[in-house]
Amino acid sequence: MTTCNVKTTRPTTRLTTKQRREYRPLLIKYYGHVCFYCKDEFIDEKHTIDGYKNGYLENYDHLNCIESDNRIENIVFAHVKCNQQKKDYSDYQIKAKEQLEEKEDAR
């Protein structure tokens, strides 16, 4: 299993604005507008709440942690905090790996 705390040597090409616009309605249709990992809703659009960083903002996450792999089947919505926790939380890594395999098999 690829863990998210391992740096890849591949060049990083993040999701483009165009990809985000195209993927957003598809991701909402497939998963709903909730965090893939904890299934909670996203909170507010503010980057800080009461002076603290908002960990519940919507974030595009790569299931396999390779930021240059921008295939739609590799992208989910996640809270900023859950995306960060995935680096150390094996349950989230397993869930991501299983989801990616399922989506790849469906193609």
N, C-alpha and C. Protein backbone atom coordinates (compact mmCIF):
# COMPACT_ATOMS: atom_id res chain seq x y z
N MET A 1 0.84 -1.17 0.00
CA MET A 1 0.00 0.00 0.00
C MET A 1 0.89 1.24 0.00
N THR A 2 0.50 2.22 -0.81
CA THR A 2 1.22 3.49 -0.82
C THR A 2 0.76 4.32 0.36
N THR A 3 1.68 4.72 1.19
CA THR A 3 1.31 5.58 2.30
C THR A 3 1.49 7.03 1.89
N CYS A 4 0.72 7.89 2.49
CA CYS A 4 0.71 9.29 2.08
C CYS A 4 1.86 10.09 2.67
N ASN A 5 2.59 9.52 3.59
CA ASN A 5 3.70 10.28 4.15
C ASN A 5 5.00 10.02 3.39
N VAL A 6 4.93 9.24 2.33
CA VAL A 6 6.10 8.97 1.50
C VAL A 6 6.09 9.95 0.34
N LYS A 7 7.17 10.68 0.17
CA LYS A 7 7.28 11.62 -0.94
C LYS A 7 7.50 10.85 -2.23
N THR A 8 6.79 11.26 -3.29
CA THR A 8 7.00 10.64 -4.58
C THR A 8 8.02 11.45 -5.36
N THR A 9 8.67 10.82 -6.30
CA THR A 9 9.65 11.52 -7.11
C THR A 9 9.03 12.05 -8.39
N ARG A 10 7.76 11.74 -8.63
CA ARG A 10 7.09 12.22 -9.82
C ARG A 10 6.84 13.71 -9.70
N PRO A 11 6.86 14.44 -10.81
CA PRO A 11 6.58 15.87 -10.75
C PRO A 11 5.14 16.11 -10.30
N THR A 12 4.93 17.13 -9.52
CA THR A 12 3.61 17.45 -9.02
C THR A 12 2.90 18.38 -10.00
N THR A 13 1.76 17.94 -10.46
CA THR A 13 0.88 18.76 -11.27
C THR A 13 -0.48 18.70 -10.59
N ARG A 14 -0.79 19.71 -9.87
CA ARG A 14 -2.04 19.72 -9.10
C ARG A 14 -3.24 19.84 -10.03
N LEU A 15 -4.41 19.57 -9.47
CA LEU A 15 -5.64 19.73 -10.23
C LEU A 15 -5.76 21.16 -10.75
N THR A 16 -6.13 21.29 -11.98
CA THR A 16 -6.32 22.62 -12.55
C THR A 16 -7.70 23.13 -12.17
N THR A 17 -7.90 24.41 -12.32
CA THR A 17 -9.22 25.00 -12.07
C THR A 17 -10.26 24.36 -12.97
N LYS A 18 -9.90 24.11 -14.22
CA LYS A 18 -10.81 23.48 -15.17
C LYS A 18 -11.20 22.07 -14.69
N GLN A 19 -10.23 21.28 -14.22
CA GLN A 19 -10.53 19.95 -13.71
C GLN A 19 -11.44 20.02 -12.49
N ARG A 20 -11.17 20.96 -11.61
CA ARG A 20 -12.01 21.11 -10.42
C ARG A 20 -13.46 21.41 -10.81
N ARG A 21 -13.63 22.30 -11.78
CA ARG A 21 -14.98 22.65 -12.25
C ARG A 21 -15.67 21.44 -12.89
N GLU A 22 -14.92 20.66 -13.65
CA GLU A 22 -15.50 19.49 -14.31
C GLU A 22 -15.79 18.37 -13.31
N TYR A 23 -14.91 18.15 -12.36
CA TYR A 23 -15.04 17.04 -11.43
C TYR A 23 -16.07 17.29 -10.34
N ARG A 24 -16.23 18.53 -9.92
CA ARG A 24 -17.09 18.85 -8.78
C ARG A 24 -18.49 18.24 -8.89
N PRO A 25 -19.25 18.52 -9.98
CA PRO A 25 -20.61 17.94 -10.04
C PRO A 25 -20.60 16.41 -10.10
N LEU A 26 -19.59 15.83 -10.71
CA LEU A 26 -19.49 14.37 -10.78
C LEU A 26 -19.22 13.76 -9.42
N LEU A 27 -18.33 14.41 -8.65
CA LEU A 27 -18.03 13.92 -7.30
C LEU A 27 -19.24 14.06 -6.38
N ILE A 28 -19.96 15.18 -6.50
CA ILE A 28 -21.16 15.38 -5.68
C ILE A 28 -22.21 14.33 -6.02
N LYS A 29 -22.37 14.06 -7.31
CA LYS A 29 -23.35 13.05 -7.74
C LYS A 29 -22.99 11.67 -7.21
N TYR A 30 -21.70 11.32 -7.25
CA TYR A 30 -21.26 9.98 -6.86
C TYR A 30 -21.21 9.80 -5.34
N TYR A 31 -20.66 10.78 -4.62
CA TYR A 31 -20.43 10.64 -3.18
C TYR A 31 -21.35 11.49 -2.31
N GLY A 32 -22.00 12.48 -2.91
CA GLY A 32 -22.68 13.49 -2.11
C GLY A 32 -21.66 14.55 -1.73
N HIS A 33 -22.11 15.59 -1.07
CA HIS A 33 -21.18 16.66 -0.70
C HIS A 33 -20.77 16.50 0.75
N VAL A 34 -20.09 15.38 1.03
CA VAL A 34 -19.59 15.08 2.37
C VAL A 34 -18.15 14.59 2.26
N CYS A 35 -17.47 14.59 3.36
CA CYS A 35 -16.09 14.10 3.41
C CYS A 35 -16.07 12.59 3.13
N PHE A 36 -15.23 12.17 2.22
CA PHE A 36 -15.12 10.75 1.88
C PHE A 36 -14.74 9.90 3.09
N TYR A 37 -13.91 10.41 3.97
CA TYR A 37 -13.38 9.62 5.08
C TYR A 37 -14.32 9.56 6.28
N CYS A 38 -14.76 10.70 6.78
CA CYS A 38 -15.58 10.69 8.00
C CYS A 38 -17.08 10.83 7.73
N LYS A 39 -17.44 11.15 6.49
CA LYS A 39 -18.84 11.29 6.05
C LYS A 39 -19.57 12.49 6.65
N ASP A 40 -18.85 13.39 7.32
CA ASP A 40 -19.45 14.61 7.85
C ASP A 40 -19.50 15.67 6.76
N GLU A 41 -20.39 16.63 6.94
CA GLU A 41 -20.53 17.72 5.99
C GLU A 41 -19.36 18.70 6.12
N PHE A 42 -19.21 19.52 5.11
CA PHE A 42 -18.22 20.59 5.15
C PHE A 42 -18.81 21.77 5.87
N ILE A 43 -18.00 22.48 6.64
CA ILE A 43 -18.48 23.59 7.45
C ILE A 43 -17.94 24.89 6.91
N ASP A 44 -18.85 25.75 6.53
CA ASP A 44 -18.53 27.13 6.20
C ASP A 44 -17.51 27.23 5.07
N GLU A 45 -17.32 28.41 4.60
CA GLU A 45 -16.31 28.68 3.58
C GLU A 45 -15.16 29.50 4.16
N LYS A 46 -15.24 29.81 5.43
CA LYS A 46 -14.20 30.61 6.06
C LYS A 46 -12.96 29.76 6.32
N HIS A 47 -11.81 30.36 6.13
CA HIS A 47 -10.57 29.64 6.39
C HIS A 47 -10.23 29.60 7.88
N THR A 48 -10.83 30.49 8.66
CA THR A 48 -10.65 30.43 10.11
C THR A 48 -12.01 30.58 10.77
N ILE A 49 -12.15 29.93 11.90
CA ILE A 49 -13.37 30.04 12.71
C ILE A 49 -12.92 30.40 14.11
N ASP A 50 -13.38 31.54 14.59
CA ASP A 50 -13.00 32.01 15.92
C ASP A 50 -11.48 32.01 16.11
N GLY A 51 -10.76 32.38 15.06
CA GLY A 51 -9.30 32.49 15.15
C GLY A 51 -8.54 31.20 14.93
N TYR A 52 -9.23 30.09 14.74
CA TYR A 52 -8.58 28.80 14.51
C TYR A 52 -8.75 28.38 13.06
N LYS A 53 -7.76 27.68 12.53
CA LYS A 53 -7.84 27.19 11.16
C LYS A 53 -9.02 26.23 11.03
N ASN A 54 -9.83 26.43 9.99
CA ASN A 54 -11.00 25.59 9.76
C ASN A 54 -10.57 24.28 9.11
N GLY A 55 -10.61 23.21 9.83
CA GLY A 55 -10.24 21.90 9.31
C GLY A 55 -11.36 21.21 8.56
N TYR A 56 -12.53 21.87 8.49
CA TYR A 56 -13.70 21.25 7.87
C TYR A 56 -14.01 21.84 6.49
N LEU A 57 -13.04 22.53 5.90
CA LEU A 57 -13.22 23.05 4.56
C LEU A 57 -13.17 21.91 3.55
N GLU A 58 -13.84 22.11 2.42
CA GLU A 58 -13.79 21.14 1.34
C GLU A 58 -12.40 21.13 0.71
N ASN A 59 -11.91 19.95 0.45
CA ASN A 59 -10.58 19.78 -0.14
C ASN A 59 -10.67 18.64 -1.15
N TYR A 60 -9.99 18.78 -2.27
CA TYR A 60 -9.90 17.68 -3.22
C TYR A 60 -8.73 16.79 -2.78
N ASP A 61 -8.98 15.50 -2.63
CA ASP A 61 -7.95 14.58 -2.15
C ASP A 61 -7.67 13.52 -3.20
N HIS A 62 -6.40 13.17 -3.34
CA HIS A 62 -5.98 12.08 -4.21
C HIS A 62 -5.98 10.80 -3.40
N LEU A 63 -6.74 9.82 -3.82
CA LEU A 63 -6.83 8.57 -3.06
C LEU A 63 -5.48 7.88 -2.92
N ASN A 64 -4.66 7.93 -3.97
CA ASN A 64 -3.37 7.25 -3.91
C ASN A 64 -2.23 8.17 -3.49
N CYS A 65 -2.52 9.39 -3.12
CA CYS A 65 -1.54 10.36 -2.60
C CYS A 65 -0.53 10.83 -3.63
N ILE A 66 -0.74 10.51 -4.89
CA ILE A 66 0.14 11.00 -5.95
C ILE A 66 -0.55 12.20 -6.58
N GLU A 67 -0.07 13.39 -6.23
CA GLU A 67 -0.75 14.61 -6.64
C GLU A 67 -0.75 14.85 -8.14
N SER A 68 0.06 14.14 -8.88
CA SER A 68 0.05 14.29 -10.34
C SER A 68 -0.91 13.31 -11.01
N ASP A 69 -1.53 12.42 -10.24
CA ASP A 69 -2.48 11.45 -10.77
C ASP A 69 -3.89 12.04 -10.64
N ASN A 70 -4.27 12.84 -11.62
CA ASN A 70 -5.52 13.60 -11.54
C ASN A 70 -6.69 12.94 -12.26
N ARG A 71 -6.66 11.62 -12.38
CA ARG A 71 -7.80 10.91 -12.95
C ARG A 71 -9.00 11.09 -12.02
N ILE A 72 -10.20 11.20 -12.59
CA ILE A 72 -11.40 11.40 -11.78
C ILE A 72 -11.57 10.28 -10.75
N GLU A 73 -11.22 9.04 -11.10
CA GLU A 73 -11.39 7.94 -10.14
C GLU A 73 -10.43 8.01 -8.97
N ASN A 74 -9.45 8.88 -9.05
CA ASN A 74 -8.48 9.05 -7.96
C ASN A 74 -8.79 10.25 -7.07
N ILE A 75 -9.89 10.95 -7.33
CA ILE A 75 -10.20 12.19 -6.62
C ILE A 75 -11.48 12.03 -5.80
N VAL A 76 -11.44 12.51 -4.57
CA VAL A 76 -12.61 12.57 -3.69
C VAL A 76 -12.60 13.90 -2.94
N PHE A 77 -13.73 14.26 -2.35
CA PHE A 77 -13.77 15.40 -1.44
C PHE A 77 -13.39 14.91 -0.05
N ALA A 78 -12.62 15.71 0.66
CA ALA A 78 -12.27 15.38 2.04
C ALA A 78 -12.10 16.67 2.83
N HIS A 79 -12.37 16.61 4.11
CA HIS A 79 -12.04 17.74 4.98
C HIS A 79 -10.53 17.95 4.93
N VAL A 80 -10.11 19.16 5.10
CA VAL A 80 -8.68 19.45 5.19
C VAL A 80 -8.05 18.60 6.29
N LYS A 81 -8.71 18.52 7.45
CA LYS A 81 -8.16 17.77 8.58
C LYS A 81 -8.11 16.27 8.30
N CYS A 82 -9.11 15.72 7.63
CA CYS A 82 -9.11 14.29 7.32
C CYS A 82 -8.04 13.96 6.28
N ASN A 83 -7.87 14.84 5.33
CA ASN A 83 -6.83 14.66 4.33
C ASN A 83 -5.46 14.63 5.00
N GLN A 84 -5.25 15.51 5.95
CA GLN A 84 -3.98 15.53 6.68
C GLN A 84 -3.83 14.30 7.57
N GLN A 85 -4.92 13.86 8.18
CA GLN A 85 -4.88 12.67 9.05
C GLN A 85 -4.59 11.40 8.26
N LYS A 86 -4.97 11.38 7.00
CA LYS A 86 -4.76 10.18 6.18
C LYS A 86 -3.27 9.81 6.12
N LYS A 87 -2.41 10.79 6.25
CA LYS A 87 -0.97 10.53 6.19
C LYS A 87 -0.52 9.57 7.29
N ASP A 88 -1.19 9.60 8.43
CA ASP A 88 -0.79 8.78 9.57
C ASP A 88 -1.83 7.75 10.00
N TYR A 89 -3.02 7.80 9.41
CA TYR A 89 -4.14 6.99 9.87
C TYR A 89 -4.38 5.87 8.87
N SER A 90 -3.97 4.66 9.23
CA SER A 90 -4.01 3.54 8.28
C SER A 90 -5.43 3.19 7.84
N ASP A 91 -6.43 3.39 8.69
CA ASP A 91 -7.82 3.10 8.27
C ASP A 91 -8.22 3.97 7.09
N TYR A 92 -7.83 5.24 7.10
CA TYR A 92 -8.14 6.13 5.98
C TYR A 92 -7.35 5.70 4.74
N GLN A 93 -6.12 5.27 4.90
CA GLN A 93 -5.32 4.81 3.77
C GLN A 93 -5.93 3.56 3.14
N ILE A 94 -6.39 2.64 3.97
CA ILE A 94 -7.02 1.41 3.47
C ILE A 94 -8.31 1.74 2.75
N LYS A 95 -9.11 2.61 3.33
CA LYS A 95 -10.36 3.01 2.71
C LYS A 95 -10.11 3.65 1.34
N ALA A 96 -9.11 4.50 1.26
CA ALA A 96 -8.76 5.16 -0.01
C ALA A 96 -8.31 4.13 -1.04
N LYS A 97 -7.45 3.20 -0.64
CA LYS A 97 -6.94 2.17 -1.54
C LYS A 97 -8.08 1.30 -2.07
N GLU A 98 -8.98 0.87 -1.20
CA GLU A 98 -10.10 0.03 -1.60
C GLU A 98 -11.02 0.77 -2.57
N GLN A 99 -11.28 2.05 -2.29
CA GLN A 99 -12.15 2.83 -3.17
C GLN A 99 -11.53 2.98 -4.55
N LEU A 100 -10.24 3.28 -4.61
CA LEU A 100 -9.57 3.43 -5.89
C LEU A 100 -9.59 2.14 -6.68
N GLU A 101 -9.32 1.03 -6.02
CA GLU A 101 -9.36 -0.28 -6.71
C GLU A 101 -10.76 -0.56 -7.24
N GLU A 102 -11.78 -0.27 -6.45
CA GLU A 102 -13.17 -0.50 -6.87
C GLU A 102 -13.50 0.34 -8.11
N LYS A 103 -13.12 1.59 -8.09
CA LYS A 103 -13.42 2.47 -9.21
C LYS A 103 -12.63 2.08 -10.46
N GLU A 104 -11.39 1.65 -10.28
CA GLU A 104 -10.58 1.22 -11.43
C GLU A 104 -11.15 -0.06 -12.03
N ASP A 105 -11.61 -0.99 -11.18
CA ASP A 105 -12.20 -2.23 -11.67
C ASP A 105 -13.50 -1.98 -12.43
N ALA A 106 -14.23 -0.93 -12.05
CA ALA A 106 -15.49 -0.62 -12.70
C ALA A 106 -15.30 -0.05 -14.10
N ARG A 107 -14.12 0.47 -14.37
CA ARG A 107 -13.86 1.06 -15.70
C ARG A 107 -13.74 0.02 -16.71
